[in-house]
C-alpha atoms as a PDB file:
ATOM      1  CA  MET A   1    -127.764-134.148 -56.718  1.00  0.00           C
ATOM      2  CA  HIS A   2    -125.452-130.831 -58.088  1.00  0.00           C
ATOM      3  CA  ARG A   3    -122.993-130.290 -60.452  1.00  0.00           C
ATOM      4  CA  LEU A   4    -120.404-127.915 -59.194  1.00  0.00           C
ATOM      5  CA  ALA A   5    -118.078-126.381 -61.599  1.00  0.00           C
ATOM      6  CA  SER A   6    -117.012-122.875 -60.417  1.00  0.00           C
ATOM      7  CA  CYS A   7    -113.762-120.450 -60.703  1.00  0.00           C
ATOM      8  CA  SER A   8    -113.363-119.837 -57.020  1.00  0.00           C
ATOM      9  CA  LEU A   9    -110.937-122.994 -56.783  1.00  0.00           C
ATOM     10  CA  ILE A  10    -108.542-120.920 -58.691  1.00  0.00           C
ATOM     11  CA  ALA A  11    -108.494-118.400 -55.961  1.00  0.00           C
ATOM     12  CA  ALA A  12    -109.158-120.693 -53.126  1.00  0.00           C
ATOM     13  CA  LEU A  13    -105.940-122.743 -54.078  1.00  0.00           C
ATOM     14  CA  SER A  14    -103.367-120.154 -55.166  1.00  0.00           C
ATOM     15  CA  TRP A  15    -102.261-120.435 -51.813  1.00  0.00           C
ATOM     16  CA  CYS A  16    -100.846-124.326 -52.175  1.00  0.00           C
ATOM     17  CA  GLY A  17     -98.832-123.150 -55.371  1.00  0.00           C
ATOM     18  CA  VAL A  18    -100.291-125.657 -58.133  1.00  0.00           C
ATOM     19  CA  ALA A  19    -101.718-124.300 -60.699  1.00  0.00           C
ATOM     20  CA  VAL A  20    -105.582-124.661 -61.082  1.00  0.00           C
ATOM     21  CA  ALA A  21    -107.830-124.273 -63.814  1.00  0.00           C
ATOM     22  CA  VAL A  22    -111.804-125.250 -63.499  1.00  0.00           C
ATOM     23  CA  GLU A  23    -113.569-126.331 -67.596  1.00  0.00           C
ATOM     24  CA  PRO A  24    -116.914-124.785 -67.594  1.00  0.00           C
ATOM     25  CA  MET A  25    -119.750-127.281 -67.924  1.00  0.00           C
ATOM     26  CA  ALA A  26    -121.506-127.505 -71.598  1.00  0.00           C
ATOM     27  CA  THR A  27    -124.718-126.638 -72.436  1.00  0.00           C
ATOM     28  CA  PRO A  28    -127.144-128.926 -74.329  1.00  0.00           C
ATOM     29  CA  ALA A  29    -127.537-128.368 -77.521  1.00  0.00           C
ATOM     30  CA  GLY A  30    -130.528-126.856 -78.670  1.00  0.00           C
ATOM     31  CA  GLY A  31    -131.575-124.617 -76.226  1.00  0.00           C
ATOM     32  CA  THR A  32    -130.442-122.796 -72.826  1.00  0.00           C
ATOM     33  CA  THR A  33    -130.266-124.270 -69.464  1.00  0.00           C
ATOM     34  CA  ARG A  34    -132.294-122.413 -66.839  1.00  0.00           C
ATOM     35  CA  THR A  35    -131.180-123.481 -63.428  1.00  0.00           C
ATOM     36  CA  PRO A  36    -132.925-122.116 -60.150  1.00  0.00           C
ATOM     37  CA  ILE A  37    -130.601-119.733 -57.834  1.00  0.00           C
ATOM     38  CA  PRO A  38    -129.854-120.625 -54.631  1.00  0.00           C
ATOM     39  CA  ALA A  39    -130.158-119.368 -51.701  1.00  0.00           C
ATOM     40  CA  PRO A  40    -127.139-116.877 -50.376  1.00  0.00           C
ATOM     41  CA  GLY A  41    -126.378-120.058 -47.649  1.00  0.00           C
ATOM     42  CA  ALA A  42    -126.729-122.483 -50.096  1.00  0.00           C
ATOM     43  CA  LEU A  43    -124.689-121.165 -52.049  1.00  0.00           C
ATOM     44  CA  GLN A  44    -121.169-120.211 -49.979  1.00  0.00           C
ATOM     45  CA  GLU A  45    -121.888-124.114 -48.387  1.00  0.00           C
ATOM     46  CA  SER A  46    -121.736-125.317 -51.679  1.00  0.00           C
ATOM     47  CA  ALA A  47    -118.590-123.531 -52.600  1.00  0.00           C
ATOM     48  CA  ASP A  48    -116.695-124.244 -49.386  1.00  0.00           C
ATOM     49  CA  ILE A  49    -117.195-127.974 -49.692  1.00  0.00           C
ATOM     50  CA  GLU A  50    -115.663-127.261 -53.587  1.00  0.00           C
ATOM     51  CA  ARG A  51    -112.689-125.642 -52.038  1.00  0.00           C
ATOM     52  CA  ARG A  52    -111.955-128.107 -49.504  1.00  0.00           C
ATOM     53  CA  VAL A  53    -112.525-130.822 -51.070  1.00  0.00           C
ATOM     54  CA  ALA A  54    -110.628-129.680 -54.389  1.00  0.00           C
ATOM     55  CA  GLY A  55    -107.779-128.772 -51.775  1.00  0.00           C
ATOM     56  CA  SER A  56    -107.508-132.162 -50.494  1.00  0.00           C
ATOM     57  CA  VAL A  57    -107.527-133.774 -54.042  1.00  0.00           C
ATOM     58  CA  VAL A  58    -104.537-131.451 -55.095  1.00  0.00           C
ATOM     59  CA  SER A  59    -102.649-132.722 -51.571  1.00  0.00           C
ATOM     60  CA  ALA A  60    -103.256-136.038 -52.384  1.00  0.00           C
ATOM     61  CA  LEU A  61    -101.823-135.248 -56.191  1.00  0.00           C
ATOM     62  CA  ALA A  62     -98.666-133.966 -54.791  1.00  0.00           C
ATOM     63  CA  GLU A  63     -98.309-136.509 -52.333  1.00  0.00           C
ATOM     64  CA  ARG A  64     -98.296-139.233 -55.126  1.00  0.00           C
ATOM     65  CA  PHE A  65     -96.054-137.792 -57.583  1.00  0.00           C
ATOM     66  CA  GLY A  66     -93.472-137.222 -54.730  1.00  0.00           C
ATOM     67  CA  GLY A  67     -93.845-133.428 -54.015  1.00  0.00           C
ATOM     68  CA  ARG A  68     -93.504-132.935 -57.828  1.00  0.00           C
ATOM     69  CA  ALA A  69     -94.926-129.866 -58.859  1.00  0.00           C
ATOM     70  CA  VAL A  70     -98.151-130.251 -60.810  1.00  0.00           C
ATOM     71  CA  GLU A  71    -100.715-128.188 -62.500  1.00  0.00           C
ATOM     72  CA  VAL A  72    -104.241-129.362 -61.845  1.00  0.00           C
ATOM     73  CA  ARG A  73    -107.630-129.207 -64.021  1.00  0.00           C
ATOM     74  CA  PHE A  74    -111.274-129.773 -62.417  1.00  0.00           C
ATOM     75  CA  ASP A  75    -113.788-130.589 -65.233  1.00  0.00           C
ATOM     76  CA  GLY A  76    -116.341-131.016 -62.662  1.00  0.00           C
ATOM     77  CA  VAL A  77    -117.398-132.202 -59.143  1.00  0.00           C
ATOM     78  CA  ASP A  78    -120.540-133.688 -58.145  1.00  0.00           C
ATOM     79  CA  VAL A  79    -122.656-133.231 -54.749  1.00  0.00           C
ATOM     80  CA  SER A  80    -125.440-135.766 -53.271  1.00  0.00           C
ATOM     81  CA  ALA A  81    -126.478-135.998 -49.504  1.00  0.00           C
ATOM     82  CA  LEU A  82    -125.799-139.528 -47.769  1.00  0.00           C
ATOM     83  CA  ASP A  83    -127.737-138.252 -44.709  1.00  0.00           C
ATOM     84  CA  GLY A  84    -128.805-135.046 -42.894  1.00  0.00           C
ATOM     85  CA  ARG A  85    -124.584-135.153 -41.905  1.00  0.00           C
ATOM     86  CA  ARG A  86    -122.609-136.152 -44.600  1.00  0.00           C
ATOM     87  CA  GLN A  87    -122.015-134.863 -48.582  1.00  0.00           C
ATOM     88  CA  SER A  88    -120.744-137.490 -51.264  1.00  0.00           C
ATOM     89  CA  VAL A  89    -118.554-135.323 -53.562  1.00  0.00           C
ATOM     90  CA  SER A  90    -116.744-136.846 -56.741  1.00  0.00           C
ATOM     91  CA  GLY A  91    -115.428-135.628 -59.892  1.00  0.00           C
ATOM     92  CA  ARG A  92    -112.625-135.614 -62.512  1.00  0.00           C
ATOM     93  CA  GLY A  93    -109.934-133.582 -64.217  1.00  0.00           C
ATOM     94  CA  GLY A  94    -106.641-133.491 -65.352  1.00  0.00           C
ATOM     95  CA  VAL A  95    -102.629-132.764 -63.710  1.00  0.00           C
ATOM     96  CA  ARG A  96     -99.619-132.431 -65.123  1.00  0.00           C
ATOM     97  CA  PHE A  97     -96.387-132.129 -64.540  1.00  0.00           C
ATOM     98  CA  ALA A  98     -95.000-128.559 -65.160  1.00  0.00           C
ATOM     99  CA  GLY A  99     -94.067-127.885 -68.195  1.00  0.00           C
ATOM    100  CA  GLY A 100     -95.670-130.374 -69.686  1.00  0.00           C
ATOM    101  CA  SER A 101     -97.815-130.700 -72.280  1.00  0.00           C
ATOM    102  CA  ALA A 102    -100.000-133.906 -71.774  1.00  0.00           C
ATOM    103  CA  TRP A 103    -102.831-133.925 -69.139  1.00  0.00           C
ATOM    104  CA  ILE A 104    -103.250-137.218 -67.557  1.00  0.00           C
ATOM    105  CA  GLY A 105    -106.882-137.992 -66.190  1.00  0.00           C
ATOM    106  CA  PHE A 106    -107.963-138.587 -62.989  1.00  0.00           C
ATOM    107  CA  ARG A 107    -111.231-139.190 -61.283  1.00  0.00           C
ATOM    108  CA  PHE A 108    -111.736-138.753 -57.799  1.00  0.00           C
ATOM    109  CA  GLY A 109    -114.141-139.137 -54.900  1.00  0.00           C
ATOM    110  CA  SER A 110    -114.520-138.171 -50.665  1.00  0.00           C
ATOM    111  CA  VAL A 111    -117.133-138.028 -48.059  1.00  0.00           C
ATOM    112  CA  TYR A 112    -117.745-134.398 -46.932  1.00  0.00           C
ATOM    113  CA  ASP A 113    -118.389-133.768 -42.969  1.00  0.00           C
ATOM    114  CA  THR A 114    -120.554-131.011 -42.870  1.00  0.00           C
ATOM    115  CA  LEU A 115    -120.515-131.089 -38.834  1.00  0.00           C
ATOM    116  CA  LEU A 116    -117.023-131.305 -38.650  1.00  0.00           C
ATOM    117  CA  GLY A 117    -116.657-128.815 -42.192  1.00  0.00           C
ATOM    118  CA  GLN A 118    -114.336-130.947 -43.249  1.00  0.00           C
ATOM    119  CA  PRO A 119    -113.558-133.969 -46.153  1.00  0.00           C
ATOM    120  CA  GLY A 120    -112.353-137.505 -45.514  1.00  0.00           C
ATOM    121  CA  ARG A 121    -109.386-138.082 -47.908  1.00  0.00           C
ATOM    122  CA  PRO A 122    -109.907-138.804 -50.977  1.00  0.00           C
ATOM    123  CA  GLN A 123    -109.660-141.880 -53.213  1.00  0.00           C
ATOM    124  CA  VAL A 124    -107.890-141.033 -56.488  1.00  0.00           C
ATOM    125  CA  GLU A 125    -107.421-142.689 -59.347  1.00  0.00           C
ATOM    126  CA  ILE A 126    -104.956-141.519 -61.629  1.00  0.00           C
ATOM    127  CA  GLY A 127    -105.030-142.528 -65.883  1.00  0.00           C
ATOM    128  CA  VAL A 128    -108.316-142.771 -66.723  1.00  0.00           C
ATOM    129  CA  GLY A 129    -110.010-140.120 -68.907  1.00  0.00           C
ATOM    130  CA  GLY A 130    -108.020-137.416 -69.864  1.00  0.00           C
ATOM    131  CA  GLU A 131    -105.880-137.800 -73.509  1.00  0.00           C
ATOM    132  CA  GLY A 132    -105.452-141.578 -73.232  1.00  0.00           C
ATOM    133  CA  ARG A 133    -105.114-143.631 -76.007  1.00  0.00           C
ATOM    134  CA  SER A 134    -105.379-147.211 -76.519  1.00  0.00           C
ATOM    135  CA  VAL A 135    -101.491-149.272 -77.551  1.00  0.00           C
ATOM    136  CA  PRO A 136    -100.067-152.185 -77.724  1.00  0.00           C
ATOM    137  CA  ASN A 137     -98.763-153.336 -74.133  1.00  0.00           C
ATOM    138  CA  ASP A 138     -95.027-152.578 -73.519  1.00  0.00           C
ATOM    139  CA  GLY A 139     -93.025-155.972 -73.014  1.00  0.00           C
ATOM    140  CA  LEU A 140     -90.918-154.112 -71.148  1.00  0.00           C
ATOM    141  CA  ALA A 141     -93.096-151.805 -68.435  1.00  0.00           C
ATOM    142  CA  LEU A 142     -95.406-155.122 -67.895  1.00  0.00           C
ATOM    143  CA  ARG A 143     -92.165-156.933 -66.963  1.00  0.00           C
ATOM    144  CA  GLN A 144     -91.433-154.351 -64.475  1.00  0.00           C
ATOM    145  CA  LEU A 145     -94.924-154.666 -63.205  1.00  0.00           C
ATOM    146  CA  GLU A 146     -95.082-158.171 -62.857  1.00  0.00           C
ATOM    147  CA  ASP A 147     -91.993-158.020 -61.085  1.00  0.00           C
ATOM    148  CA  ARG A 148     -92.759-155.037 -58.695  1.00  0.00           C
ATOM    149  CA  MET A 149     -96.441-156.553 -58.004  1.00  0.00           C
ATOM    150  CA  THR A 150     -94.839-160.151 -56.598  1.00  0.00           C
ATOM    151  CA  ALA A 151     -91.979-157.895 -54.830  1.00  0.00           C
ATOM    152  CA  MET A 152     -94.914-155.578 -53.313  1.00  0.00           C
ATOM    153  CA  LEU A 153     -97.094-159.098 -52.335  1.00  0.00           C
ATOM    154  CA  GLN A 154     -94.308-161.122 -50.585  1.00  0.00           C
ATOM    155  CA  ASP A 155     -93.752-157.991 -48.471  1.00  0.00           C
ATOM    156  CA  ALA A 156     -97.357-157.391 -47.318  1.00  0.00           C
ATOM    157  CA  ARG A 157     -97.684-161.089 -46.434  1.00  0.00           C
ATOM    158  CA  ALA A 158     -94.044-161.813 -45.434  1.00  0.00           C
ATOM    159  CA  MET A 159     -93.593-164.806 -47.995  1.00  0.00           C
ATOM    160  CA  PRO A 160     -90.811-165.435 -49.329  1.00  0.00           C
ATOM    161  CA  SER A 161     -92.436-166.767 -52.874  1.00  0.00           C
ATOM    162  CA  VAL A 162     -95.127-166.144 -54.639  1.00  0.00           C
ATOM    163  CA  ARG A 163     -96.215-165.955 -58.292  1.00  0.00           C
ATOM    164  CA  LEU A 164     -98.286-163.636 -60.155  1.00  0.00           C
ATOM    165  CA  GLN A 165    -100.314-163.986 -63.643  1.00  0.00           C
ATOM    166  CA  LEU A 166    -101.496-161.235 -65.347  1.00  0.00           C
ATOM    167  CA  ASP A 167    -104.108-162.794 -67.914  1.00  0.00           C
ATOM    168  CA  ARG A 168    -105.732-159.473 -69.386  1.00  0.00           C
ATOM    169  CA  VAL A 169    -103.609-156.022 -69.346  1.00  0.00           C
ATOM    170  CA  GLU A 170    -105.011-152.568 -71.043  1.00  0.00           C
ATOM    171  CA  THR A 171    -102.255-150.265 -72.143  1.00  0.00           C
ATOM    172  CA  PHE A 172    -103.526-146.312 -72.662  1.00  0.00           C
ATOM    173  CA  GLU A 173    -100.814-143.783 -74.032  1.00  0.00           C
ATOM    174  CA  THR A 174    -101.181-140.322 -72.328  1.00  0.00           C
ATOM    175  CA  GLY A 175     -98.977-137.481 -74.442  1.00  0.00           C
ATOM    176  CA  GLN A 176     -95.790-139.160 -75.313  1.00  0.00           C
ATOM    177  CA  TYR A 177     -94.231-140.420 -72.019  1.00  0.00           C
ATOM    178  CA  TYR A 178     -97.020-142.334 -69.865  1.00  0.00           C
ATOM    179  CA  LEU A 179     -98.664-145.396 -69.882  1.00  0.00           C
ATOM    180  CA  SER A 180    -101.571-146.295 -67.811  1.00  0.00           C
ATOM    181  CA  MET A 181    -101.875-149.998 -67.339  1.00  0.00           C
ATOM    182  CA  ASP A 182    -105.332-151.884 -66.119  1.00  0.00           C
ATOM    183  CA  ALA A 183    -104.232-155.517 -65.712  1.00  0.00           C
ATOM    184  CA  GLU A 184    -106.427-158.688 -64.054  1.00  0.00           C
ATOM    185  CA  GLY A 185    -105.059-161.736 -62.987  1.00  0.00           C
ATOM    186  CA  LEU A 186    -104.479-164.726 -60.419  1.00  0.00           C
ATOM    187  CA  VAL A 187    -101.751-164.545 -57.422  1.00  0.00           C
ATOM    188  CA  ASP A 188    -100.589-167.530 -56.183  1.00  0.00           C
ATOM    189  CA  PHE A 189     -99.507-167.576 -52.003  1.00  0.00           C
ATOM    190  CA  GLY A 190     -98.904-171.066 -51.945  1.00  0.00           C
ATOM    191  CA  LEU A 191    -100.403-172.723 -49.232  1.00  0.00           C
ATOM    192  CA  ASP A 192    -102.758-170.021 -48.387  1.00  0.00           C
ATOM    193  CA  GLY A 193    -104.251-170.827 -51.785  1.00  0.00           C
ATOM    194  CA  SER A 194    -104.782-167.981 -55.039  1.00  0.00           C
ATOM    195  CA  ARG A 195    -106.528-165.185 -55.589  1.00  0.00           C
ATOM    196  CA  GLY A 196    -107.570-163.111 -58.191  1.00  0.00           C
ATOM    197  CA  ILE A 197    -105.860-159.514 -58.603  1.00  0.00           C
ATOM    198  CA  ARG A 198    -106.913-156.419 -60.166  1.00  0.00           C
ATOM    199  CA  VAL A 199    -103.773-153.819 -60.786  1.00  0.00           C
ATOM    200  CA  ARG A 200    -104.119-149.957 -61.837  1.00  0.00           C
ATOM    201  CA  ALA A 201    -100.614-148.529 -62.852  1.00  0.00           C
ATOM    202  CA  LEU A 202     -98.965-145.479 -64.043  1.00  0.00           C
ATOM    203  CA  TYR A 203     -95.423-145.352 -65.866  1.00  0.00           C
ATOM    204  CA  ASP A 204     -93.584-143.331 -67.181  1.00  0.00           C
ATOM    205  CA  ARG A 205     -91.252-144.363 -69.559  1.00  0.00           C
ATOM    206  CA  ARG A 206     -88.258-142.020 -69.739  1.00  0.00           C
ATOM    207  CA  ASP A 207     -87.199-142.963 -66.233  1.00  0.00           C
ATOM    208  CA  GLY A 208     -88.961-146.078 -65.926  1.00  0.00           C
ATOM    209  CA  GLN A 209     -90.516-144.845 -62.393  1.00  0.00           C
ATOM    210  CA  TRP A 210     -93.806-145.790 -61.523  1.00  0.00           C
ATOM    211  CA  LEU A 211     -95.885-142.771 -60.710  1.00  0.00           C
ATOM    212  CA  GLN A 212     -98.873-145.187 -59.589  1.00  0.00           C
ATOM    213  CA  LEU A 213     -99.318-148.666 -58.494  1.00  0.00           C
ATOM    214  CA  ASP A 214    -102.593-149.513 -57.006  1.00  0.00           C
ATOM    215  CA  TYR A 215    -103.919-152.834 -56.049  1.00  0.00           C
ATOM    216  CA  ASP A 216    -107.091-154.830 -55.215  1.00  0.00           C
ATOM    217  CA  LEU A 217    -106.728-158.808 -53.680  1.00  0.00           C
ATOM    218  CA  GLY A 218    -109.878-160.886 -54.782  1.00  0.00           C
ATOM    219  CA  ALA A 219    -113.713-160.608 -54.045  1.00  0.00           C
ATOM    220  CA  ALA A 220    -114.028-160.662 -50.717  1.00  0.00           C
ATOM    221  CA  ALA A 221    -116.182-158.309 -48.772  1.00  0.00           C
ATOM    222  CA  GLY A 222    -113.770-155.387 -47.122  1.00  0.00           C
ATOM    223  CA  GLU A 223    -110.505-157.134 -48.471  1.00  0.00           C
ATOM    224  CA  ALA A 224    -108.320-154.250 -50.350  1.00  0.00           C
ATOM    225  CA  LEU A 225    -104.957-153.997 -50.114  1.00  0.00           C
ATOM    226  CA  VAL A 226    -103.326-150.701 -51.684  1.00  0.00           C
ATOM    227  CA  GLY A 227     -99.732-150.303 -52.640  1.00  0.00           C
ATOM    228  CA  ARG A 228     -97.431-147.159 -53.711  1.00  0.00           C
END
Protein backbone atom coordinates (compact mmCIF):
# COMPACT_ATOMS: atom_id res chain seq x y z
CA MET A 1 0.00 0.00 0.00
CA HIS A 2 1.20 3.49 -0.70
CA ARG A 3 -0.25 6.89 0.05
CA LEU A 4 -0.61 9.51 -2.62
CA ALA A 5 -0.84 13.20 -1.88
CA SER A 6 0.22 15.26 -4.84
CA CYS A 7 -0.43 18.78 -6.02
CA SER A 8 -0.93 17.26 -9.47
CA LEU A 9 -4.61 17.04 -8.44
CA ILE A 10 -4.93 20.80 -8.59
CA ALA A 11 -3.74 21.05 -12.17
CA ALA A 12 -5.47 17.87 -13.31
CA LEU A 13 -8.89 18.96 -12.08
CA SER A 14 -8.78 22.63 -13.02
CA TRP A 15 -10.82 21.89 -16.13
CA CYS A 16 -13.94 21.05 -14.14
CA GLY A 17 -14.23 24.44 -12.46
CA VAL A 18 -13.89 23.04 -8.97
CA ALA A 19 -11.26 24.37 -6.60
CA VAL A 20 -9.12 21.48 -5.39
CA ALA A 21 -6.35 21.37 -2.80
CA VAL A 22 -4.28 18.56 -1.34
CA GLU A 23 -3.02 18.63 2.21
CA PRO A 24 0.61 17.48 2.62
CA MET A 25 1.22 14.31 4.62
CA ALA A 26 2.66 14.92 8.09
CA THR A 27 6.17 13.71 8.92
CA PRO A 28 6.36 11.57 12.08
CA ALA A 29 7.67 13.48 15.09
CA GLY A 30 11.22 12.90 16.17
CA GLY A 31 12.79 12.10 12.86
CA THR A 32 12.68 12.15 9.09
CA THR A 33 10.94 9.83 6.69
CA ARG A 34 12.86 8.30 3.81
CA THR A 35 10.73 7.11 0.94
CA PRO A 36 12.22 5.04 -1.90
CA ILE A 37 12.08 6.89 -5.20
CA PRO A 38 9.75 4.98 -7.53
CA ALA A 39 10.63 4.26 -11.14
CA PRO A 40 9.40 6.93 -13.59
CA GLY A 41 6.80 4.56 -15.04
CA ALA A 42 5.40 3.67 -11.62
CA LEU A 43 5.31 7.33 -10.62
CA GLN A 44 3.35 8.25 -13.75
CA GLU A 45 0.95 5.35 -13.22
CA SER A 46 0.32 6.46 -9.62
CA ALA A 47 -0.29 10.03 -10.76
CA ASP A 48 -2.75 8.85 -13.40
CA ILE A 49 -4.67 6.74 -10.87
CA GLU A 50 -4.76 9.64 -8.43
CA ARG A 51 -5.94 12.11 -11.05
CA ARG A 52 -8.69 9.92 -12.49
CA VAL A 53 -10.07 8.73 -9.17
CA ALA A 54 -10.03 12.27 -7.76
CA GLY A 55 -11.91 13.45 -10.84
CA SER A 56 -14.59 10.80 -10.32
CA VAL A 57 -14.94 11.77 -6.65
CA VAL A 58 -15.32 15.47 -7.51
CA SER A 59 -17.98 14.58 -10.10
CA ALA A 60 -19.82 12.43 -7.54
CA LEU A 61 -19.78 15.27 -5.00
CA ALA A 62 -21.03 17.81 -7.56
CA GLU A 63 -23.83 15.41 -8.53
CA ARG A 64 -24.74 14.76 -4.90
CA PHE A 65 -25.14 18.49 -4.26
CA GLY A 66 -27.23 19.12 -7.36
CA GLY A 67 -24.55 20.94 -9.32
CA ARG A 68 -23.88 23.57 -6.64
CA ALA A 69 -20.45 25.18 -6.87
CA VAL A 70 -18.12 23.49 -4.39
CA GLU A 71 -14.51 23.49 -3.29
CA VAL A 72 -12.91 20.09 -2.66
CA ARG A 73 -9.85 19.30 -0.52
CA PHE A 74 -8.13 15.91 -0.55
CA ASP A 75 -6.27 15.04 2.63
CA GLY A 76 -4.87 11.73 1.42
CA VAL A 77 -5.39 8.83 -0.96
CA ASP A 78 -4.49 5.20 -0.24
CA VAL A 79 -3.91 2.80 -3.13
CA SER A 80 -3.42 -0.96 -2.77
CA ALA A 81 -3.44 -3.81 -5.28
CA LEU A 82 -6.44 -6.13 -5.30
CA ASP A 83 -5.06 -8.35 -8.06
CA GLY A 84 -3.00 -8.03 -11.22
CA ARG A 85 -5.56 -5.76 -12.83
CA ARG A 86 -7.43 -3.85 -10.10
CA GLN A 87 -6.36 -1.27 -7.54
CA SER A 88 -8.34 -0.40 -4.43
CA VAL A 89 -8.38 3.37 -3.92
CA SER A 90 -9.71 5.10 -0.80
CA GLY A 91 -9.20 8.36 0.97
CA ARG A 92 -10.66 11.31 2.78
CA GLY A 93 -11.05 15.02 2.35
CA GLY A 94 -13.36 17.98 2.79
CA VAL A 95 -15.93 19.78 0.68
CA ARG A 96 -17.46 23.20 1.15
CA PHE A 97 -19.82 25.34 -0.86
CA ALA A 98 -18.45 28.32 -2.74
CA GLY A 99 -18.25 31.29 -0.39
CA GLY A 100 -18.61 29.13 2.71
CA SER A 101 -16.06 28.72 5.47
CA ALA A 102 -16.87 25.29 6.96
CA TRP A 103 -15.41 22.12 5.50
CA ILE A 104 -17.69 19.07 5.47
CA GLY A 105 -15.62 15.91 5.85
CA PHE A 106 -16.03 12.97 3.49
CA ARG A 107 -14.60 9.52 2.84
CA PHE A 108 -14.51 7.70 -0.47
CA GLY A 109 -13.61 4.36 -1.97
CA SER A 110 -13.26 3.13 -5.54
CA VAL A 111 -11.78 0.33 -7.61
CA TYR A 112 -9.44 1.34 -10.42
CA ASP A 113 -9.16 -0.94 -13.47
CA THR A 114 -5.60 -0.67 -14.78
CA LEU A 115 -6.47 -2.48 -18.02
CA LEU A 116 -9.26 -0.06 -18.92
CA GLY A 117 -7.43 2.85 -17.30
CA GLN A 118 -10.50 4.09 -15.45
CA PRO A 119 -12.05 3.99 -11.96
CA GLY A 120 -15.41 2.56 -11.02
CA ARG A 121 -18.10 4.78 -9.60
CA PRO A 122 -16.85 5.89 -6.17
CA GLN A 123 -18.72 5.28 -2.93
CA VAL A 124 -18.76 8.60 -1.09
CA GLU A 125 -19.81 9.11 2.53
CA ILE A 126 -20.35 12.76 3.45
CA GLY A 127 -20.43 14.31 6.90
CA VAL A 128 -17.66 12.25 8.50
CA GLY A 129 -14.42 13.58 9.95
CA GLY A 130 -13.61 17.16 9.09
CA GLU A 131 -14.54 19.87 11.58
CA GLY A 132 -17.69 18.27 13.00
CA ARG A 133 -18.54 18.28 16.71
CA SER A 134 -21.12 16.25 18.60
CA VAL A 135 -24.31 18.18 19.47
CA PRO A 136 -27.74 17.30 20.92
CA ASN A 137 -30.23 15.98 18.39
CA ASP A 138 -32.33 18.60 16.62
CA GLY A 139 -35.99 17.65 17.21
CA LEU A 140 -37.29 19.32 14.04
CA ALA A 141 -34.60 17.78 11.83
CA LEU A 142 -35.18 14.36 13.41
CA ARG A 143 -38.93 14.45 12.75
CA GLN A 144 -38.29 15.52 9.16
CA LEU A 145 -35.76 12.71 8.79
CA GLU A 146 -38.26 10.11 10.00
CA ASP A 147 -40.95 11.47 7.65
CA ARG A 148 -38.63 11.51 4.64
CA MET A 149 -37.31 8.03 5.36
CA THR A 150 -40.82 6.62 5.81
CA ALA A 151 -41.90 8.08 2.47
CA MET A 152 -38.77 6.76 0.74
CA LEU A 153 -39.31 3.25 2.12
CA GLN A 154 -42.95 3.28 1.07
CA ASP A 155 -41.93 4.23 -2.46
CA ALA A 156 -39.10 1.68 -2.58
CA ARG A 157 -41.33 -1.20 -1.47
CA ALA A 158 -44.52 0.08 -3.14
CA MET A 159 -46.30 -0.23 0.20
CA PRO A 160 -48.89 2.23 1.54
CA SER A 161 -47.96 1.67 5.17
CA VAL A 162 -44.47 1.51 6.64
CA ARG A 163 -43.57 2.29 10.24
CA LEU A 164 -40.12 3.54 11.18
CA GLN A 165 -38.59 3.83 14.62
CA LEU A 166 -35.11 5.31 15.07
CA ASP A 167 -33.65 4.21 18.40
CA ARG A 168 -30.13 5.63 18.24
CA VAL A 169 -29.31 8.96 16.64
CA GLU A 170 -25.97 10.77 16.76
CA THR A 171 -25.75 14.31 15.43
CA PHE A 172 -22.62 16.25 14.49
CA GLU A 173 -22.56 19.92 13.61
CA THR A 174 -20.26 21.17 10.86
CA GLY A 175 -19.86 24.91 10.73
CA GLN A 176 -22.92 26.94 11.60
CA TYR A 177 -25.51 25.34 9.36
CA TYR A 178 -24.93 21.64 8.63
CA LEU A 179 -25.99 18.64 10.69
CA SER A 180 -24.59 15.17 9.99
CA MET A 181 -26.91 12.49 11.41
CA ASP A 182 -26.11 8.80 11.90
CA ALA A 183 -29.11 6.75 13.07
CA GLU A 184 -30.10 3.15 13.64
CA GLY A 185 -33.53 1.69 14.22
CA LEU A 186 -36.25 -0.66 13.04
CA VAL A 187 -38.61 -0.50 10.07
CA ASP A 188 -41.87 -2.46 10.11
CA PHE A 189 -43.19 -3.63 6.72
CA GLY A 190 -46.29 -5.25 8.13
CA LEU A 191 -46.81 -8.74 6.69
CA ASP A 192 -43.33 -8.55 5.17
CA GLY A 193 -41.79 -8.38 8.64
CA SER A 194 -39.35 -6.00 10.26
CA ARG A 195 -35.79 -5.11 9.34
CA GLY A 196 -33.03 -3.17 10.99
CA ILE A 197 -32.04 0.08 9.30
CA ARG A 198 -29.08 2.44 9.39
CA VAL A 199 -29.45 5.99 8.10
CA ARG A 200 -26.76 8.54 7.21
CA ALA A 201 -27.96 12.04 6.48
CA LEU A 202 -26.65 15.57 5.99
CA TYR A 203 -29.03 18.44 6.71
CA ASP A 204 -28.83 22.16 5.90
CA ARG A 205 -30.66 24.02 8.66
CA ARG A 206 -30.93 27.25 6.66
CA ASP A 207 -33.47 25.93 4.18
CA GLY A 208 -34.32 22.48 5.60
CA GLN A 209 -32.66 20.76 2.64
CA TRP A 210 -31.32 17.20 2.87
CA LEU A 211 -27.96 17.18 1.12
CA GLN A 212 -27.49 13.46 1.75
CA LEU A 213 -29.99 10.75 2.67
CA ASP A 214 -28.60 7.21 2.45
CA TYR A 215 -29.80 4.05 4.15
CA ASP A 216 -28.98 0.36 4.47
CA LEU A 217 -31.65 -2.19 5.25
CA GLY A 218 -31.02 -5.21 7.43
CA ALA A 219 -28.00 -7.45 7.71
CA ALA A 220 -28.79 -9.77 4.79
CA ALA A 221 -25.76 -10.19 2.53
CA GLY A 222 -26.06 -8.22 -0.69
CA GLU A 223 -29.27 -6.37 0.25
CA ALA A 224 -28.75 -2.64 0.47
CA LEU A 225 -30.80 0.26 -0.75
CA VAL A 226 -29.57 3.77 -1.24
CA GLY A 227 -31.89 6.74 -1.53
CA ARG A 228 -31.35 10.37 -2.22
